[in-house]
N, C-alpha and C. Protein backbone atom coordinates (compact mmCIF):
# COMPACT_ATOMS: atom_id res chain seq x y z
N MET A 1 10.43 2.43 12.17
CA MET A 1 9.28 2.93 11.51
C MET A 1 8.30 3.31 12.66
N THR A 2 8.17 4.62 12.60
CA THR A 2 7.22 5.15 13.66
C THR A 2 6.16 5.87 13.06
N THR A 3 4.92 6.54 13.66
CA THR A 3 4.14 7.16 13.08
C THR A 3 3.82 8.18 14.00
N HIS A 4 3.83 9.58 13.36
CA HIS A 4 3.49 10.92 13.72
C HIS A 4 2.53 11.65 13.21
N THR A 5 1.70 12.43 13.99
CA THR A 5 0.88 13.34 13.44
C THR A 5 1.12 14.51 12.39
N MET A 6 1.03 14.70 11.30
CA MET A 6 1.22 15.59 10.74
C MET A 6 0.42 16.81 10.74
N THR A 7 0.79 18.18 10.71
CA THR A 7 -0.09 19.20 10.97
C THR A 7 -0.04 19.91 9.61
N ASP A 8 0.82 19.96 8.76
CA ASP A 8 0.81 20.46 7.78
C ASP A 8 0.21 19.69 6.22
N LYS A 9 0.07 18.45 6.48
CA LYS A 9 -0.48 17.81 5.25
C LYS A 9 -0.74 16.34 5.88
N LYS A 10 -2.18 15.97 5.12
CA LYS A 10 -2.34 14.58 5.79
C LYS A 10 -1.35 13.43 5.11
N SER A 11 -1.50 12.21 6.07
CA SER A 11 -0.42 11.24 5.52
C SER A 11 -1.00 10.61 4.11
N ALA A 12 -0.29 10.20 3.52
CA ALA A 12 -0.38 9.34 2.20
C ALA A 12 -0.61 7.87 2.18
N ASN A 13 -1.18 7.08 1.62
CA ASN A 13 -1.28 5.70 1.62
C ASN A 13 -0.81 5.09 0.47
N VAL A 14 0.03 3.92 0.76
CA VAL A 14 0.42 3.40 -0.28
C VAL A 14 -0.11 1.64 -0.33
N LEU A 15 -0.63 1.16 -1.37
CA LEU A 15 -1.23 -0.46 -1.31
C LEU A 15 -0.03 -1.05 -2.02
N LEU A 16 0.58 -1.97 -1.11
CA LEU A 16 1.88 -2.59 -1.49
C LEU A 16 1.68 -4.02 -2.11
N ALA A 17 2.09 -4.45 -3.38
CA ALA A 17 1.70 -5.73 -3.87
C ALA A 17 3.36 -6.04 -4.14
N HIS A 18 3.33 -7.34 -4.35
CA HIS A 18 4.69 -8.04 -4.32
C HIS A 18 5.15 -7.74 -5.60
N GLY A 19 4.60 -7.96 -7.09
CA GLY A 19 5.42 -7.53 -8.10
C GLY A 19 5.57 -8.45 -8.83
N SER A 20 5.62 -8.33 -10.27
CA SER A 20 5.66 -9.45 -11.15
C SER A 20 6.15 -9.27 -12.48
N ARG A 21 7.07 -9.78 -13.23
CA ARG A 21 7.28 -9.43 -14.55
C ARG A 21 6.30 -9.47 -15.48
N ASP A 22 5.22 -10.18 -14.93
CA ASP A 22 3.99 -10.50 -16.25
C ASP A 22 3.07 -8.99 -15.84
N PRO A 23 2.90 -8.36 -16.86
CA PRO A 23 2.21 -7.27 -16.51
C PRO A 23 0.76 -7.31 -16.20
N GLN A 24 0.14 -8.73 -16.98
CA GLN A 24 -1.47 -9.12 -16.33
C GLN A 24 -1.60 -9.33 -15.04
N TRP A 25 -0.47 -9.97 -14.30
CA TRP A 25 -0.62 -10.28 -12.93
C TRP A 25 -0.87 -8.92 -12.23
N GLN A 26 -0.40 -7.49 -12.75
CA GLN A 26 -0.87 -6.36 -12.12
C GLN A 26 -2.17 -5.79 -12.01
N ALA A 27 -3.02 -6.46 -12.97
CA ALA A 27 -4.42 -6.01 -13.48
C ALA A 27 -5.27 -5.87 -12.07
N PRO A 28 -5.43 -7.02 -11.45
CA PRO A 28 -6.17 -6.93 -10.14
C PRO A 28 -5.72 -6.22 -9.08
N PHE A 29 -4.70 -5.77 -8.88
CA PHE A 29 -4.08 -4.88 -8.12
C PHE A 29 -4.56 -3.45 -8.44
N GLU A 30 -4.54 -3.23 -9.77
CA GLU A 30 -5.04 -1.71 -10.32
C GLU A 30 -6.35 -1.49 -10.14
N VAL A 31 -7.08 -2.79 -10.25
CA VAL A 31 -8.55 -2.82 -10.05
C VAL A 31 -8.79 -2.22 -8.59
N ILE A 32 -8.08 -3.03 -7.72
CA ILE A 32 -8.49 -2.85 -6.27
C ILE A 32 -8.11 -1.18 -5.79
N ALA A 33 -6.84 -0.86 -6.42
CA ALA A 33 -6.38 0.49 -6.15
C ALA A 33 -7.73 1.60 -6.50
N GLU A 34 -8.16 1.17 -7.86
CA GLU A 34 -8.97 2.28 -8.38
C GLU A 34 -10.49 2.08 -7.85
N ARG A 35 -10.75 1.05 -7.42
CA ARG A 35 -12.19 0.84 -6.45
C ARG A 35 -11.99 1.58 -4.88
N ILE A 36 -10.88 1.37 -4.46
CA ILE A 36 -10.67 2.05 -3.26
C ILE A 36 -10.43 3.66 -3.40
N LYS A 37 -9.87 3.88 -4.53
CA LYS A 37 -9.69 5.53 -4.38
C LYS A 37 -11.17 6.07 -4.76
N SER A 38 -11.83 5.29 -5.60
CA SER A 38 -13.32 5.62 -5.95
C SER A 38 -14.10 5.76 -4.91
N LYS A 39 -14.13 4.67 -4.12
CA LYS A 39 -15.18 4.69 -3.01
C LYS A 39 -14.73 5.81 -2.00
N ASP A 40 -13.26 6.05 -1.66
CA ASP A 40 -12.92 6.94 -0.79
C ASP A 40 -13.45 8.45 -1.31
N GLN A 41 -13.54 8.61 -2.77
CA GLN A 41 -13.59 10.15 -2.94
C GLN A 41 -15.14 10.24 -3.28
N GLU A 42 -16.04 9.26 -2.90
CA GLU A 42 -17.48 9.44 -3.14
C GLU A 42 -18.05 10.41 -2.29
N ASN A 43 -17.93 10.51 -1.03
CA ASN A 43 -18.42 11.63 -0.51
C ASN A 43 -17.47 12.64 0.25
N LYS A 44 -16.17 13.11 -0.57
CA LYS A 44 -15.12 13.79 -0.43
C LYS A 44 -15.19 14.98 -1.65
N THR A 45 -14.56 16.18 -1.20
CA THR A 45 -14.32 16.91 -2.37
C THR A 45 -12.87 16.67 -2.87
N LYS A 46 -12.58 17.21 -3.98
CA LYS A 46 -11.32 17.06 -4.60
C LYS A 46 -10.05 17.38 -3.61
N ASP A 47 -10.16 18.44 -2.86
CA ASP A 47 -9.16 18.79 -2.16
C ASP A 47 -8.92 17.94 -0.60
N ASP A 48 -10.16 17.29 -0.44
CA ASP A 48 -10.19 16.31 0.83
C ASP A 48 -10.13 15.07 0.56
N ALA A 49 -10.08 14.71 -0.68
CA ALA A 49 -9.45 13.23 -1.15
C ALA A 49 -8.47 12.67 -0.48
N THR A 50 -8.33 11.25 -0.05
CA THR A 50 -7.13 10.99 0.54
C THR A 50 -6.32 10.33 -0.50
N ARG A 51 -4.77 10.34 -0.35
CA ARG A 51 -4.03 10.12 -1.20
C ARG A 51 -3.84 8.92 -1.05
N ILE A 52 -4.09 8.02 -2.25
CA ILE A 52 -3.93 6.43 -2.44
C ILE A 52 -3.02 6.43 -3.59
N GLU A 53 -1.74 5.35 -3.55
CA GLU A 53 -1.20 5.08 -4.47
C GLU A 53 -0.79 3.55 -4.66
N LEU A 54 -0.70 2.95 -5.68
CA LEU A 54 -0.31 1.66 -5.76
C LEU A 54 1.08 1.43 -6.08
N SER A 55 1.87 0.57 -5.62
CA SER A 55 3.26 0.26 -5.61
C SER A 55 3.53 -1.03 -5.51
N PHE A 56 4.89 -1.24 -5.82
CA PHE A 56 5.16 -2.86 -6.01
C PHE A 56 6.57 -3.02 -5.28
N MET A 57 6.65 -4.07 -4.46
CA MET A 57 7.86 -4.41 -3.70
C MET A 57 9.19 -4.63 -4.89
N GLU A 58 8.89 -5.46 -6.01
CA GLU A 58 10.01 -5.78 -6.93
C GLU A 58 9.53 -6.04 -8.06
N LEU A 59 10.19 -6.11 -8.93
CA LEU A 59 9.76 -6.71 -10.48
C LEU A 59 8.81 -5.59 -11.16
N SER A 60 8.13 -4.92 -10.69
CA SER A 60 7.28 -4.15 -11.35
C SER A 60 7.35 -2.65 -10.72
N GLU A 61 6.57 -1.66 -11.80
CA GLU A 61 6.79 -0.26 -11.41
C GLU A 61 5.18 0.17 -11.23
N PRO A 62 5.13 1.21 -10.49
CA PRO A 62 6.16 1.99 -9.79
C PRO A 62 6.55 1.17 -8.67
N SER A 63 7.93 1.35 -8.47
CA SER A 63 8.44 0.69 -7.07
C SER A 63 7.91 1.45 -5.78
N LEU A 64 8.17 0.62 -4.71
CA LEU A 64 7.81 1.46 -3.55
C LEU A 64 8.79 2.38 -3.20
N GLU A 65 9.94 2.63 -3.41
CA GLU A 65 10.98 3.71 -3.07
C GLU A 65 10.52 4.83 -4.20
N SER A 66 10.15 4.45 -5.58
CA SER A 66 9.67 5.71 -6.51
C SER A 66 8.55 6.12 -5.88
N THR A 67 7.55 5.72 -5.60
CA THR A 67 6.36 6.14 -5.05
C THR A 67 6.36 6.92 -3.74
N CYS A 68 7.22 6.45 -2.89
CA CYS A 68 7.38 7.39 -1.50
C CYS A 68 8.15 8.58 -1.87
N HIS A 69 9.31 8.70 -2.90
CA HIS A 69 9.90 9.71 -3.46
C HIS A 69 8.85 10.72 -4.11
N THR A 70 7.90 10.30 -5.01
CA THR A 70 6.90 11.11 -5.53
C THR A 70 6.09 11.74 -4.19
N LEU A 71 5.66 10.91 -3.45
CA LEU A 71 4.83 11.45 -2.38
C LEU A 71 5.40 12.31 -1.54
N MET A 72 6.69 12.04 -1.25
CA MET A 72 7.61 13.13 -0.58
C MET A 72 7.61 14.56 -1.30
N LYS A 73 7.97 14.21 -2.42
CA LYS A 73 7.99 15.57 -3.38
C LYS A 73 6.72 16.24 -3.41
N ASP A 74 5.88 15.49 -3.26
CA ASP A 74 4.21 16.38 -2.99
C ASP A 74 4.28 16.81 -1.75
N GLY A 75 5.12 16.80 -0.84
CA GLY A 75 4.85 17.22 0.45
C GLY A 75 4.30 16.19 1.37
N TYR A 76 4.03 14.99 1.14
CA TYR A 76 3.73 13.97 2.54
C TYR A 76 4.97 13.68 3.09
N LYS A 77 5.02 13.56 4.49
CA LYS A 77 6.19 13.31 5.35
C LYS A 77 5.55 12.09 6.11
N GLU A 78 4.59 11.60 5.94
CA GLU A 78 3.99 10.29 6.62
C GLU A 78 3.34 9.51 5.76
N ILE A 79 3.72 8.16 5.67
CA ILE A 79 3.37 7.52 4.69
C ILE A 79 2.79 6.12 5.17
N ASN A 80 1.78 5.77 5.09
CA ASN A 80 0.98 4.47 5.56
C ASN A 80 0.98 3.48 4.42
N VAL A 81 1.91 2.24 4.83
CA VAL A 81 1.78 0.93 3.47
C VAL A 81 1.15 -0.15 4.04
N TYR A 82 0.01 -0.16 3.19
CA TYR A 82 -0.88 -1.60 3.23
C TYR A 82 -0.61 -2.62 2.43
N PRO A 83 0.19 -3.86 2.87
CA PRO A 83 0.51 -4.78 2.02
C PRO A 83 -0.57 -5.74 1.41
N ILE A 84 -0.95 -5.86 0.17
CA ILE A 84 -1.88 -6.50 -0.35
C ILE A 84 -1.28 -8.08 -0.60
N PHE A 85 -0.96 -8.51 0.68
CA PHE A 85 -0.45 -9.91 0.64
C PHE A 85 -1.32 -10.75 1.56
N PHE A 86 -1.40 -12.25 1.62
CA PHE A 86 -1.96 -12.90 2.25
C PHE A 86 -1.57 -13.15 3.60
N ALA A 87 -0.07 -13.38 4.02
CA ALA A 87 0.54 -13.33 5.22
C ALA A 87 1.56 -12.59 5.08
N ALA A 88 2.11 -12.56 6.42
CA ALA A 88 3.49 -11.76 6.87
C ALA A 88 4.49 -12.96 6.62
N GLY A 89 4.85 -13.24 5.38
CA GLY A 89 6.10 -14.00 5.31
C GLY A 89 7.41 -13.36 5.17
N ARG A 90 8.66 -13.97 5.03
CA ARG A 90 9.90 -13.06 5.24
C ARG A 90 9.96 -11.61 4.53
N HIS A 91 9.18 -11.46 3.39
CA HIS A 91 9.19 -10.36 2.76
C HIS A 91 8.68 -9.20 3.73
N LEU A 92 7.65 -9.53 4.36
CA LEU A 92 6.93 -8.47 5.19
C LEU A 92 7.52 -8.49 6.52
N ARG A 93 8.29 -9.56 7.13
CA ARG A 93 8.87 -9.56 8.30
C ARG A 93 10.26 -8.93 8.03
N VAL A 94 10.88 -9.04 7.11
CA VAL A 94 12.23 -8.72 7.05
C VAL A 94 12.54 -7.82 5.75
N ASP A 95 12.36 -7.98 4.58
CA ASP A 95 12.66 -7.17 3.28
C ASP A 95 12.07 -5.69 3.41
N VAL A 96 10.51 -5.80 3.58
CA VAL A 96 9.92 -4.69 3.45
C VAL A 96 10.38 -3.68 4.65
N PRO A 97 10.43 -4.06 5.78
CA PRO A 97 11.02 -3.37 6.90
C PRO A 97 12.32 -2.34 6.60
N LYS A 98 13.37 -3.53 5.91
CA LYS A 98 14.60 -2.76 5.68
C LYS A 98 14.33 -1.96 4.66
N GLN A 99 13.65 -2.17 3.81
CA GLN A 99 13.32 -1.33 2.32
C GLN A 99 12.70 -0.08 3.13
N LEU A 100 11.84 0.06 3.81
CA LEU A 100 11.30 1.09 4.56
C LEU A 100 12.20 1.88 5.13
N GLN A 101 13.05 1.36 5.91
CA GLN A 101 13.89 1.75 6.79
C GLN A 101 15.06 2.80 5.98
N GLU A 102 15.38 2.36 5.00
CA GLU A 102 16.38 2.74 4.12
C GLU A 102 15.56 3.96 3.18
N ILE A 103 14.25 3.96 2.98
CA ILE A 103 13.41 4.70 2.30
C ILE A 103 13.43 6.02 3.12
N GLU A 104 13.08 5.88 4.26
CA GLU A 104 12.76 6.88 5.39
C GLU A 104 14.35 7.59 5.86
N GLU A 105 15.21 7.08 5.84
CA GLU A 105 16.53 7.69 5.94
C GLU A 105 16.84 8.51 4.72
N LYS A 106 16.72 7.82 3.49
CA LYS A 106 17.17 8.38 2.11
C LYS A 106 16.17 9.84 2.00
N LEU A 107 14.94 9.71 2.42
CA LEU A 107 14.10 10.74 1.90
C LEU A 107 13.66 11.78 3.21
N GLY A 108 13.76 11.36 4.31
CA GLY A 108 13.66 11.86 5.36
C GLY A 108 12.35 12.13 5.73
N ILE A 109 11.34 10.76 5.53
CA ILE A 109 9.93 10.77 5.94
C ILE A 109 9.62 9.69 7.05
N THR A 110 8.41 9.49 7.25
CA THR A 110 8.14 8.51 8.42
C THR A 110 7.03 7.48 7.56
N THR A 111 7.16 6.24 7.78
CA THR A 111 6.38 5.20 7.38
C THR A 111 5.84 4.40 8.39
N HIS A 112 4.75 3.62 7.96
CA HIS A 112 4.05 2.92 8.95
C HIS A 112 3.61 1.88 8.23
N LEU A 113 4.13 0.34 8.40
CA LEU A 113 3.87 -0.78 7.82
C LEU A 113 2.71 -1.30 8.45
N HIS A 114 1.60 -1.68 7.80
CA HIS A 114 0.32 -2.19 8.38
C HIS A 114 0.50 -3.84 8.38
N PRO A 115 -0.17 -4.75 8.68
CA PRO A 115 -0.40 -5.87 8.69
C PRO A 115 -0.66 -6.32 7.30
N PRO A 116 -0.68 -7.31 6.72
CA PRO A 116 -1.19 -7.71 5.44
C PRO A 116 -2.51 -8.06 5.34
N VAL A 117 -3.37 -7.50 4.26
CA VAL A 117 -4.77 -7.71 4.56
C VAL A 117 -5.31 -9.05 4.55
N GLY A 118 -4.32 -9.97 4.12
CA GLY A 118 -4.89 -11.47 4.20
C GLY A 118 -5.12 -12.04 5.81
N GLN A 119 -4.67 -11.19 6.64
CA GLN A 119 -4.61 -11.57 7.96
C GLN A 119 -5.88 -11.22 8.67
N GLU A 120 -6.84 -10.11 7.95
CA GLU A 120 -8.04 -9.61 8.32
C GLU A 120 -9.07 -10.74 8.07
N GLU A 121 -9.92 -10.87 9.04
CA GLU A 121 -11.07 -11.84 8.95
C GLU A 121 -11.84 -11.88 7.84
N ILE A 122 -12.09 -10.66 7.65
CA ILE A 122 -12.94 -10.51 6.30
C ILE A 122 -12.48 -10.87 5.10
N VAL A 123 -11.11 -10.71 4.88
CA VAL A 123 -10.57 -11.21 3.90
C VAL A 123 -10.48 -12.76 3.80
N GLN A 124 -10.32 -13.45 4.79
CA GLN A 124 -10.50 -14.89 5.26
C GLN A 124 -11.83 -15.14 4.66
N ASP A 125 -12.77 -14.72 5.11
CA ASP A 125 -14.20 -14.90 5.13
C ASP A 125 -14.63 -14.77 3.49
N ALA A 126 -14.10 -13.81 3.02
CA ALA A 126 -14.18 -13.92 1.66
C ALA A 126 -13.64 -14.93 0.64
N ILE A 127 -12.47 -15.23 1.07
CA ILE A 127 -11.91 -16.23 0.16
C ILE A 127 -12.72 -17.64 0.36
N THR A 128 -12.79 -17.98 2.01
CA THR A 128 -13.71 -19.30 2.15
C THR A 128 -14.99 -18.98 1.28
N LYS A 129 -15.48 -18.10 1.27
CA LYS A 129 -16.94 -18.22 0.33
C LYS A 129 -16.84 -18.38 -1.25
N VAL A 130 -15.76 -17.73 -1.47
CA VAL A 130 -15.50 -18.12 -2.81
C VAL A 130 -15.04 -19.34 -3.34
N ILE A 131 -14.11 -20.12 -2.42
CA ILE A 131 -13.83 -21.40 -2.61
C ILE A 131 -15.00 -22.39 -2.53
N LEU A 132 -15.99 -22.12 -1.34
CA LEU A 132 -17.03 -22.93 -0.87
C LEU A 132 -18.03 -22.96 -2.18
N LYS A 133 -17.92 -21.78 -2.95
CA LYS A 133 -18.93 -21.64 -4.05
C LYS A 133 -18.46 -22.32 -5.01
N GLN A 134 -17.21 -22.80 -5.46
CA GLN A 134 -16.87 -23.31 -6.51
C GLN A 134 -16.67 -24.91 -6.12
N ILE A 135 -16.57 -25.48 -5.12
CA ILE A 135 -16.50 -26.78 -4.78
C ILE A 135 -17.72 -27.44 -4.74
């Protein structure tokens, strides 16, 4: 997985969650995706808005592959993947890179897998504050 600068169109962004058979599990991720889209679009025109999609690694739809396929059909050749995971376990170290490699080969696109959001200090601080408030 490599990153290349696109000249014809901006890169797209995929928020990647694990997935679950329980539809209620998806709700917080859908809220996060909508908040990100809303905040991003506050100071932009419709034509200038960043493309942000939510997808799931397994058990839920849309899948990472179907989201990447849709983005490719819409003309995006570079896709940033932002895992909404707490840490880089086996899924992020092995499964997702393998999945992205297969997607790249099948669709002729480039992907860039970013570190999980849980590794960001601001996320760890927020979790710490929530727990401290409750104990």
